[in-house]
Amino acid sequence: MKLLKAGSVKKVYVIRDPQEAVGEGRFVFTDNYSVFDWGEMPQVIPNKGAALSIIGAFFFEKLQSLGIKTHYLGLEEEGRIKNLDELKAPSPVMAVKLVRIIEPTLIDGQYDYSVFKGLKGNFLIPLEFIYRNSLPEGSSVFRRLKEGSLNLSDLGLERMPEVGEKLKRPILDFSTKLEKTDRYLTEREAKELAFLNDQEFEEIKRTVLRINDLINEALSPYNLENEDGKVEFAFDENRNPMVVDVVGTPDECRFTFEGIPLSKEILRILYRKTKWYEEIERAKKEDPINWKKKASPPPLLPERAIEAVSYLYQALANTISAKRWFDAPSLEESIQMVKELI
């Protein structure tokens, strides 16, 4: 088993190389986290990795029961791949199908995606598909509307939305996946960039909305809000789209309870109050490609913040999966800790 990629949140190992056909690998979810595209931050969140793995497995197994293709194979324990109901303890190791990751070419500061034009299958689609059920404070939509890079018509809205507004129906947003800094796209730009035909693009959009519905159904008994989230896709060998990476976790979604964030958004809020955040925002505008080289390392957050977020991830895993995997405070107690923090 060889290490393919060590990201800021998880490590990816190869069991069977995906170059000729869809391969097999392992996601090892770590306790690291990332915000603002910085990469690995200087602190870890205890048990975050195992909690994300449990939540991700829960939603993958739900999707597969609905006939939606995913790359999920199970969680690894004692050298075996198991379903959630077979596990003895939470596992941070997820078995998945692997596909080729083909990078666009960077030429004179511009990304060239022409390599995707001739591809049939077995590759990661270089897009992130984002659903939005509401527009909470901090949503990129407000900034983009203000600066003019996004229009109300792009979102199907007739008037300027208010902070915290719940949308009558979810809207979809699109961004790049394989660039150094995520870049939002219009629907037409997204489809053309990845060389998707109309049928493929519409099928993926329908699947994103079904995933959104599934997450909403899982959260609603606990009065939790699923404000927005992202989904990634790949094509298998026969160019059938399948859901990849992980879905429905606090890292992929923005969950709230009565306006209180229940995700790493807590950490974003705390970092937005620092001079470091002002520094990286300025650096991104000056140099969108090499901005990290112009910024200082991120400062440490208070230990009580890390503890609160750790308990929150564990409580969410226990609650969503309806099984007490972790010896952590209840979701209600964890939410109270977050309230006191922010």
Protein backbone atom coordinates (compact mmCIF):
# COMPACT_ATOMS: atom_id res chain seq x y z
CA MET A 1 0.00 0.00 0.00
CA LYS A 2 1.59 3.27 -1.12
CA LEU A 3 0.75 6.81 -0.16
CA LEU A 4 -0.84 8.63 -3.09
CA LYS A 5 -1.70 11.94 -1.47
CA ALA A 6 -1.37 13.47 1.99
CA GLY A 7 -3.96 16.22 2.11
CA SER A 8 -4.84 18.62 4.89
CA VAL A 9 -7.75 16.43 6.06
CA LYS A 10 -7.09 12.88 4.88
CA LYS A 11 -4.40 10.66 3.44
CA VAL A 12 -5.06 8.59 0.33
CA TYR A 13 -3.33 5.21 -0.11
CA VAL A 14 -3.30 3.03 -3.24
CA ILE A 15 -4.10 -0.68 -3.05
CA ARG A 16 -4.63 -1.10 -6.79
CA ASP A 17 -3.48 1.59 -9.20
CA PRO A 18 -6.29 3.24 -11.23
CA GLN A 19 -4.29 3.93 -14.37
CA GLU A 20 -5.74 1.13 -16.56
CA ALA A 21 -9.09 0.64 -14.82
CA VAL A 22 -10.81 1.90 -11.69
CA GLY A 23 -8.52 1.01 -8.80
CA GLU A 24 -8.86 0.59 -5.05
CA GLY A 25 -7.54 2.66 -2.19
CA ARG A 26 -7.95 3.76 1.39
CA PHE A 27 -8.91 7.12 2.82
CA VAL A 28 -7.36 7.64 6.23
CA PHE A 29 -9.22 10.51 7.86
CA THR A 30 -6.90 12.50 10.09
CA ASP A 31 -7.56 14.91 12.94
CA ASN A 32 -6.12 17.78 10.90
CA TYR A 33 -8.29 20.49 9.38
CA SER A 34 -8.08 23.22 6.77
CA VAL A 35 -9.76 26.62 6.31
CA PHE A 36 -9.57 29.30 3.58
CA ASP A 37 -7.64 26.94 1.25
CA TRP A 38 -4.58 27.27 3.50
CA GLY A 39 -3.98 23.55 3.86
CA GLU A 40 -3.06 21.82 7.11
CA MET A 41 -3.55 24.12 10.09
CA PRO A 42 -1.18 24.10 13.11
CA GLN A 43 -3.56 22.28 15.52
CA VAL A 44 -5.50 19.00 15.39
CA ILE A 45 -9.08 18.20 16.45
CA PRO A 46 -9.07 14.93 18.48
CA ASN A 47 -11.29 12.14 17.04
CA LYS A 48 -12.34 14.34 14.13
CA GLY A 49 -11.05 11.84 11.57
CA ALA A 50 -12.96 8.86 12.92
CA ALA A 51 -16.13 10.96 13.32
CA LEU A 52 -15.94 12.12 9.68
CA SER A 53 -15.39 8.54 8.55
CA ILE A 54 -18.48 7.32 10.41
CA ILE A 55 -20.70 10.13 9.08
CA GLY A 56 -19.40 9.69 5.53
CA ALA A 57 -19.97 5.93 5.66
CA PHE A 58 -23.51 6.48 6.96
CA PHE A 59 -24.46 8.65 3.99
CA PHE A 60 -22.66 6.52 1.42
CA GLU A 61 -24.55 3.44 2.59
CA LYS A 62 -27.82 5.39 2.41
CA LEU A 63 -27.02 6.54 -1.14
CA GLN A 64 -26.15 3.04 -2.29
CA SER A 65 -29.44 1.75 -0.85
CA LEU A 66 -31.17 4.26 -3.16
CA GLY A 67 -29.28 2.97 -6.19
CA ILE A 68 -26.91 5.94 -6.46
CA LYS A 69 -23.41 4.94 -7.59
CA THR A 70 -20.55 5.87 -5.24
CA HIS A 71 -16.92 4.87 -4.84
CA TYR A 72 -17.51 3.66 -1.25
CA LEU A 73 -16.56 0.05 -0.43
CA GLY A 74 -16.78 0.08 3.38
CA LEU A 75 -14.73 0.86 6.49
CA GLU A 76 -11.63 -1.15 7.36
CA GLU A 77 -11.31 -2.89 10.73
CA GLU A 78 -9.02 -5.76 11.70
CA GLY A 79 -7.89 -6.12 8.09
CA ARG A 80 -11.46 -6.53 6.79
CA ILE A 81 -13.76 -4.18 4.91
CA LYS A 82 -17.03 -3.86 6.82
CA ASN A 83 -20.32 -2.01 6.71
CA LEU A 84 -21.22 0.24 9.62
CA ASP A 85 -23.40 -2.38 11.29
CA GLU A 86 -20.45 -4.78 11.38
CA LEU A 87 -17.96 -2.43 13.07
CA LYS A 88 -16.89 -2.96 16.66
CA ALA A 89 -15.45 0.55 17.04
CA PRO A 90 -15.21 3.74 14.93
CA SER A 91 -12.69 3.41 12.12
CA PRO A 92 -10.94 6.33 10.39
CA VAL A 93 -10.06 4.10 7.41
CA MET A 94 -12.47 4.01 4.46
CA ALA A 95 -12.06 1.65 1.50
CA VAL A 96 -12.91 3.29 -1.83
CA LYS A 97 -12.63 2.86 -5.56
CA LEU A 98 -9.91 5.07 -7.02
CA VAL A 99 -9.94 6.87 -10.36
CA ARG A 100 -7.32 8.83 -12.25
CA ILE A 101 -6.79 12.43 -11.16
CA ILE A 102 -5.85 14.34 -14.29
CA GLU A 103 -4.66 17.90 -13.72
CA PRO A 104 -5.37 20.83 -16.03
CA THR A 105 -2.29 22.52 -17.44
CA LEU A 106 -1.27 25.92 -16.08
CA ILE A 107 -0.11 28.15 -18.94
CA ASP A 108 0.84 31.81 -18.32
CA GLY A 109 -1.33 31.94 -15.21
CA GLN A 110 -4.37 30.40 -16.97
CA TYR A 111 -5.66 26.83 -16.58
CA ASP A 112 -6.10 24.79 -19.76
CA TYR A 113 -8.65 21.94 -19.49
CA SER A 114 -8.41 20.67 -23.07
CA VAL A 115 -6.95 17.37 -21.81
CA PHE A 116 -10.46 16.42 -20.61
CA LYS A 117 -11.94 16.67 -24.09
CA GLY A 118 -10.78 13.24 -25.25
CA LEU A 119 -11.24 11.31 -21.99
CA LYS A 120 -13.84 8.54 -21.86
CA GLY A 121 -13.90 7.44 -18.23
CA ASN A 122 -12.04 6.48 -15.07
CA PHE A 123 -11.22 10.03 -13.95
CA LEU A 124 -12.19 12.66 -11.41
CA ILE A 125 -14.49 15.35 -12.79
CA PRO A 126 -12.58 18.60 -12.05
CA LEU A 127 -15.55 20.39 -10.45
CA GLU A 128 -17.20 20.86 -7.09
CA PHE A 129 -21.00 20.90 -7.12
CA ILE A 130 -22.45 23.03 -4.33
CA TYR A 131 -26.05 23.05 -3.11
CA ARG A 132 -27.40 25.96 -1.07
CA ASN A 133 -30.59 25.76 1.01
CA SER A 134 -30.01 29.12 2.69
CA LEU A 135 -27.54 31.98 2.65
CA PRO A 136 -25.95 32.27 6.09
CA GLU A 137 -23.55 34.96 7.22
CA GLY A 138 -20.18 34.26 5.65
CA SER A 139 -21.63 32.67 2.51
CA SER A 140 -19.52 33.51 -0.53
CA VAL A 141 -22.70 34.44 -2.40
CA PHE A 142 -22.94 37.84 -0.70
CA ARG A 143 -19.35 38.76 -1.52
CA ARG A 144 -19.74 37.65 -5.14
CA LEU A 145 -23.00 39.54 -5.60
CA LYS A 146 -21.41 42.66 -4.14
CA GLU A 147 -18.34 42.53 -6.37
CA GLY A 148 -20.41 41.70 -9.44
CA SER A 149 -18.91 38.29 -10.23
CA LEU A 150 -22.35 36.74 -9.60
CA ASN A 151 -25.79 37.93 -10.72
CA LEU A 152 -29.18 37.36 -9.11
CA SER A 153 -30.33 35.66 -12.31
CA ASP A 154 -27.50 33.12 -11.97
CA LEU A 155 -29.14 32.02 -8.71
CA GLY A 156 -32.72 32.20 -9.91
CA LEU A 157 -33.43 35.06 -7.49
CA GLU A 158 -35.41 38.22 -8.23
CA ARG A 159 -34.12 40.38 -5.36
CA MET A 160 -31.05 40.74 -3.19
CA PRO A 161 -31.15 38.00 -0.52
CA GLU A 162 -30.87 38.73 3.19
CA VAL A 163 -28.30 37.22 5.53
CA GLY A 164 -29.70 33.98 6.93
CA GLU A 165 -32.48 33.77 4.37
CA LYS A 166 -33.89 30.30 3.71
CA LEU A 167 -34.43 29.70 0.02
CA LYS A 168 -37.76 28.44 -1.33
CA ARG A 169 -35.85 25.83 -3.31
CA PRO A 170 -32.17 24.90 -3.25
CA ILE A 171 -29.83 26.55 -5.71
CA LEU A 172 -26.75 24.97 -7.25
CA ASP A 173 -23.34 26.55 -7.52
CA PHE A 174 -20.20 25.31 -9.27
CA SER A 175 -16.47 25.74 -8.72
CA THR A 176 -13.18 24.36 -9.90
CA LYS A 177 -11.64 21.48 -7.98
CA LEU A 178 -8.04 21.10 -9.12
CA GLU A 179 -6.76 24.68 -9.12
CA LYS A 180 -4.60 26.19 -6.37
CA THR A 181 -7.48 28.44 -5.31
CA ASP A 182 -11.11 27.46 -5.91
CA ARG A 183 -12.77 29.54 -8.63
CA TYR A 184 -16.54 29.85 -8.96
CA LEU A 185 -18.10 29.18 -12.36
CA THR A 186 -21.41 29.71 -14.08
CA GLU A 187 -23.38 26.61 -15.02
CA ARG A 188 -22.33 26.97 -18.63
CA GLU A 189 -18.66 27.49 -17.71
CA ALA A 190 -18.69 24.41 -15.46
CA LYS A 191 -20.20 22.17 -18.13
CA GLU A 192 -17.83 23.37 -20.84
CA LEU A 193 -14.73 23.31 -18.63
CA ALA A 194 -15.20 19.58 -17.83
CA PHE A 195 -16.49 18.75 -21.34
CA LEU A 196 -19.74 17.31 -19.99
CA ASN A 197 -22.71 16.84 -22.30
CA ASP A 198 -26.19 18.05 -21.35
CA GLN A 199 -27.39 14.61 -20.21
CA GLU A 200 -24.37 14.03 -17.97
CA PHE A 201 -24.58 17.47 -16.44
CA GLU A 202 -28.31 17.19 -15.72
CA GLU A 203 -27.89 13.72 -14.18
CA ILE A 204 -25.19 15.01 -11.84
CA LYS A 205 -27.33 18.00 -10.85
CA ARG A 206 -30.26 15.69 -10.05
CA THR A 207 -28.00 13.52 -7.93
CA VAL A 208 -26.71 16.54 -5.98
CA LEU A 209 -30.30 17.52 -5.18
CA ARG A 210 -31.12 13.95 -4.06
CA ILE A 211 -28.07 13.99 -1.78
CA ASN A 212 -29.25 17.30 -0.37
CA ASP A 213 -32.69 15.79 0.34
CA LEU A 214 -31.12 12.77 2.05
CA ILE A 215 -29.00 14.94 4.34
CA ASN A 216 -32.01 17.10 5.17
CA GLU A 217 -34.02 13.99 6.12
CA ALA A 218 -31.23 12.79 8.42
CA LEU A 219 -30.89 16.14 10.21
CA SER A 220 -34.49 17.30 10.52
CA PRO A 221 -35.45 15.06 13.50
CA TYR A 222 -32.84 16.96 15.54
CA ASN A 223 -33.86 20.43 14.31
CA LEU A 224 -30.51 20.80 12.56
CA GLU A 225 -30.24 22.87 9.38
CA ASN A 226 -28.28 21.78 6.32
CA GLU A 227 -27.47 25.20 4.90
CA ASP A 228 -25.10 24.23 2.11
CA GLY A 229 -22.62 21.57 1.09
CA LYS A 230 -20.42 20.26 -1.69
CA VAL A 231 -20.38 17.04 -3.69
CA GLU A 232 -17.70 15.64 -6.00
CA PHE A 233 -18.06 13.16 -8.85
CA ALA A 234 -15.95 10.90 -11.04
CA PHE A 235 -16.63 8.76 -14.09
CA ASP A 236 -16.13 5.00 -13.88
CA GLU A 237 -14.66 3.05 -16.83
CA ASN A 238 -17.97 3.22 -18.69
CA ARG A 239 -18.38 6.96 -18.05
CA ASN A 240 -21.11 6.46 -15.48
CA PRO A 241 -20.97 9.25 -12.87
CA MET A 242 -20.37 8.17 -9.28
CA VAL A 243 -20.21 10.17 -6.06
CA VAL A 244 -16.65 10.34 -4.69
CA ASP A 245 -14.66 11.87 -1.86
CA VAL A 246 -17.16 12.01 1.03
CA VAL A 247 -20.60 13.58 1.55
CA GLY A 248 -22.73 14.80 4.42
CA THR A 249 -19.97 15.56 6.91
CA PRO A 250 -19.34 18.81 8.82
CA ASP A 251 -16.33 19.38 6.55
CA GLU A 252 -18.38 19.14 3.33
CA CYS A 253 -21.52 20.82 4.69
CA ARG A 254 -22.53 23.82 6.72
CA PHE A 255 -24.78 22.53 9.53
CA THR A 256 -26.42 24.88 12.03
CA PHE A 257 -28.74 24.80 15.05
CA GLU A 258 -30.75 27.99 15.57
CA GLY A 259 -28.08 29.88 13.68
CA ILE A 260 -25.16 28.32 15.56
CA PRO A 261 -22.63 26.73 13.18
CA LEU A 262 -21.98 23.02 13.70
CA SER A 263 -18.93 22.57 11.54
CA LYS A 264 -15.44 23.94 11.08
CA GLU A 265 -17.22 27.21 10.31
CA ILE A 266 -16.72 27.81 14.05
CA LEU A 267 -13.00 27.91 13.43
CA ARG A 268 -13.44 30.13 10.36
CA ILE A 269 -15.41 32.61 12.50
CA LEU A 270 -12.62 32.74 15.07
CA TYR A 271 -9.93 33.15 12.42
CA ARG A 272 -11.86 35.93 10.64
CA LYS A 273 -11.26 38.02 13.75
CA THR A 274 -7.48 37.79 13.34
CA LYS A 275 -5.01 39.94 11.41
CA TRP A 276 -3.85 36.75 9.70
CA TYR A 277 -7.21 36.48 7.90
CA GLU A 278 -6.90 40.06 6.64
CA GLU A 279 -3.40 39.24 5.46
CA ILE A 280 -4.38 36.16 3.43
CA GLU A 281 -7.37 37.93 1.85
CA ARG A 282 -5.06 40.71 0.72
CA ALA A 283 -2.50 38.20 -0.57
CA LYS A 284 -5.14 36.31 -2.60
CA LYS A 285 -6.11 39.52 -4.39
CA GLU A 286 -2.49 40.43 -5.11
CA ASP A 287 -1.43 36.97 -6.31
CA PRO A 288 -4.22 34.35 -6.74
CA ILE A 289 -1.69 31.63 -7.65
CA ASN A 290 1.14 32.07 -5.12
CA TRP A 291 -0.70 33.93 -2.34
CA LYS A 292 0.43 31.57 0.44
CA LYS A 293 4.05 32.62 -0.06
CA LYS A 294 3.06 36.20 0.82
CA ALA A 295 1.25 35.33 4.06
CA SER A 296 2.39 34.50 7.58
CA PRO A 297 1.64 31.12 9.20
CA PRO A 298 -1.77 30.97 10.94
CA PRO A 299 -1.83 31.67 14.70
CA LEU A 300 -3.02 29.10 17.25
CA LEU A 301 -6.61 29.11 18.46
CA PRO A 302 -7.55 28.73 22.18
CA GLU A 303 -7.58 25.12 23.38
CA ARG A 304 -11.20 25.45 24.49
CA ALA A 305 -12.12 26.11 20.85
CA ILE A 306 -10.40 22.93 19.70
CA GLU A 307 -12.08 20.91 22.49
CA ALA A 308 -15.54 22.26 21.66
CA VAL A 309 -15.19 21.42 17.96
CA SER A 310 -13.84 17.94 18.81
CA TYR A 311 -16.86 17.17 20.98
CA LEU A 312 -19.16 18.57 18.31
CA TYR A 313 -17.82 16.27 15.57
CA GLN A 314 -18.12 13.25 17.85
CA ALA A 315 -21.64 14.18 18.96
CA LEU A 316 -22.75 14.66 15.36
CA ALA A 317 -21.42 11.21 14.42
CA ASN A 318 -23.28 9.64 17.37
CA THR A 319 -26.50 11.51 16.57
CA ILE A 320 -26.64 11.17 12.77
CA SER A 321 -25.80 7.46 12.80
CA ALA A 322 -28.04 6.82 15.84
CA LYS A 323 -25.25 4.92 17.60
CA ARG A 324 -22.93 5.98 20.42
CA TRP A 325 -19.55 5.50 18.80
CA PHE A 326 -17.76 8.10 20.93
CA ASP A 327 -17.69 8.87 24.65
CA ALA A 328 -18.54 12.52 24.17
CA PRO A 329 -21.10 14.98 25.54
CA SER A 330 -24.56 14.97 23.95
CA LEU A 331 -25.22 17.08 20.88
CA GLU A 332 -27.15 19.57 23.04
CA GLU A 333 -24.23 19.91 25.46
CA SER A 334 -21.75 20.25 22.61
CA ILE A 335 -23.84 22.97 21.00
CA GLN A 336 -23.91 24.85 24.30
CA MET A 337 -20.10 24.75 24.41
CA VAL A 338 -20.02 26.26 20.92
CA LYS A 339 -22.50 28.98 21.91
CA GLU A 340 -20.27 30.03 24.80
CA LEU A 341 -17.27 30.07 22.48
CA ILE A 342 -18.63 32.33 19.74
